[in-house]
Each structure stands twice: as structure tokens, then as C-alpha cells.
Amino acid sequence: MKNIEIHIGSPLKLLSKAFTRFHMTFFIVFLTAGLGIAVLFLNDILTETSLGDDYTSPIDAGSIDQATLNRIKELHTSDDTPAQAPFPNGRINPFGE
């Protein structure tokens, strides 16, 4: 049987060999993990509510005249089906002006 000597510098030497062999793999793993963490933090920032339930706006809405209210009521909602656009009769040249 061989006599195996363990030196104190041996774990560091093994770690150094592993790092020199797999340095690109470590880089890609750390880069991917860093980007994943950045995406998760950004998602958390975007989905977090910034205002509490008891928030009241300091802006006074003022008053709206009746003509403006009538125009607002005439607007369609997103549930309404849009009106079909009229197509021209006959053939047209889309490249002609």
C-alpha cells in the first residue's frame, strides 16, 4: 500500500487546480445566478405597492363642466366592440399616392 502524506497546503493546491480547470464554468454559474437575482429583485420592486390604503391625494380634482361630462359619457369602454372601418370600393394600389 502506498503511503499518502497529507500536507497543509494540499487543500489549497486542490482548490487552486479546481479553479484553474473550471474557472469558465464558475464564471457562467455566478453570472447566471447574479442575473437571476437581479431579475427577482426588479420584479419585487415592480410588483410592490407603493401607496398605502389610507393614502389621499393632495391634488384637488376641481370641477368639471357639464359639456365635458357629456363627452366623457359618450366614450366607449373596452368591452364595446369597435366599429368596422369602411373599406374603399374596387381595387386600390397601396403603393400609389
Protein backbone atom coordinates (compact mmCIF):
# COMPACT_ATOMS: atom_id res chain seq x y z
CA MET A 1 0.00 0.00 0.00
CA LYS A 2 1.19 3.48 -0.79
CA ASN A 3 1.95 5.88 1.94
CA ILE A 4 -0.14 9.02 1.34
CA GLU A 5 1.07 12.13 3.06
CA ILE A 6 -1.32 14.97 3.65
CA HIS A 7 0.27 18.36 3.62
CA ILE A 8 -1.30 21.51 4.99
CA GLY A 9 -1.03 23.20 1.60
CA SER A 10 -2.75 20.29 -0.12
CA PRO A 11 -6.38 21.55 0.19
CA LEU A 12 -5.35 24.91 -1.20
CA LYS A 13 -3.50 23.24 -4.04
CA LEU A 14 -6.56 21.12 -4.87
CA LEU A 15 -8.78 24.18 -4.73
CA SER A 16 -6.38 26.04 -7.00
CA LYS A 17 -6.36 23.17 -9.52
CA ALA A 18 -10.17 23.00 -9.48
CA PHE A 19 -10.43 26.75 -10.01
CA THR A 20 -7.97 26.78 -12.91
CA ARG A 21 -9.78 23.87 -14.53
CA PHE A 22 -13.36 25.12 -14.07
CA HIS A 23 -12.91 28.89 -13.98
CA MET A 24 -15.16 29.49 -17.01
CA THR A 25 -17.89 27.27 -15.59
CA PHE A 26 -17.74 29.11 -12.26
CA PHE A 27 -17.93 32.42 -14.09
CA ILE A 28 -21.01 31.39 -16.08
CA VAL A 29 -22.75 29.99 -12.99
CA PHE A 30 -22.09 33.14 -10.95
CA LEU A 31 -23.11 35.38 -13.86
CA THR A 32 -26.37 33.48 -14.38
CA ALA A 33 -27.12 33.47 -10.66
CA GLY A 34 -26.41 37.20 -10.43
CA LEU A 35 -28.71 37.98 -13.35
CA GLY A 36 -31.42 35.77 -11.88
CA ILE A 37 -31.20 37.52 -8.53
CA ALA A 38 -31.31 40.92 -10.27
CA VAL A 39 -34.46 39.90 -12.15
CA LEU A 40 -36.11 38.70 -8.94
CA PHE A 41 -35.28 41.94 -7.14
CA LEU A 42 -36.54 44.02 -10.07
CA ASN A 43 -39.75 42.00 -10.18
CA ASP A 44 -40.22 42.53 -6.45
CA ILE A 45 -39.73 46.28 -6.86
CA LEU A 46 -42.22 46.49 -9.73
CA THR A 47 -44.95 44.42 -8.06
CA GLU A 48 -44.67 46.09 -4.68
CA THR A 49 -47.45 48.56 -3.92
CA SER A 50 -46.02 51.95 -3.20
CA LEU A 51 -49.08 53.58 -1.66
CA GLY A 52 -50.96 52.50 1.44
CA ASP A 53 -54.71 52.02 1.70
CA ASP A 54 -55.13 55.21 3.70
CA TYR A 55 -53.47 57.43 1.07
CA THR A 56 -55.38 60.51 -0.04
CA SER A 57 -54.19 62.63 -2.94
CA PRO A 58 -53.19 66.21 -2.15
CA ILE A 59 -54.43 67.31 -5.58
CA ASP A 60 -57.90 68.88 -5.66
CA ALA A 61 -59.88 67.44 -8.55
CA GLY A 62 -61.75 70.70 -9.06
CA SER A 63 -64.95 70.86 -11.01
CA ILE A 64 -65.84 69.63 -14.48
CA ASP A 65 -68.43 71.40 -16.59
CA GLN A 66 -71.46 69.58 -17.99
CA ALA A 67 -70.17 69.58 -21.57
CA THR A 68 -67.04 67.70 -20.52
CA LEU A 69 -69.11 65.18 -18.52
CA ASN A 70 -71.31 64.54 -21.56
CA ARG A 71 -68.25 63.97 -23.75
CA ILE A 72 -66.82 61.52 -21.19
CA LYS A 73 -70.10 59.58 -21.07
CA GLU A 74 -70.07 59.25 -24.88
CA LEU A 75 -66.70 57.48 -24.85
CA HIS A 76 -66.78 53.74 -25.38
CA THR A 77 -65.46 51.21 -22.88
CA SER A 78 -63.03 48.41 -23.60
CA ASP A 79 -65.93 45.92 -23.51
CA ASP A 80 -67.60 47.54 -26.54
CA THR A 81 -66.88 46.11 -29.97
CA PRO A 82 -65.16 48.62 -32.23
CA ALA A 83 -66.93 49.83 -35.35
CA GLN A 84 -65.67 48.31 -38.60
CA ALA A 85 -63.57 50.61 -40.73
CA PRO A 86 -65.08 51.28 -44.17
CA PHE A 87 -63.09 49.75 -46.99
CA PRO A 88 -62.85 51.56 -50.35
CA ASN A 89 -64.72 50.13 -53.31
CA GLY A 90 -62.77 48.44 -56.06
CA ARG A 91 -59.10 47.68 -56.24
CA ILE A 92 -56.63 50.19 -54.92
CA ASN A 93 -52.88 50.47 -55.29
CA PRO A 94 -51.35 50.54 -51.78
CA PHE A 95 -48.10 51.91 -53.21
CA GLY A 96 -49.64 54.74 -55.20
CA GLU A 97 -50.06 58.17 -53.75
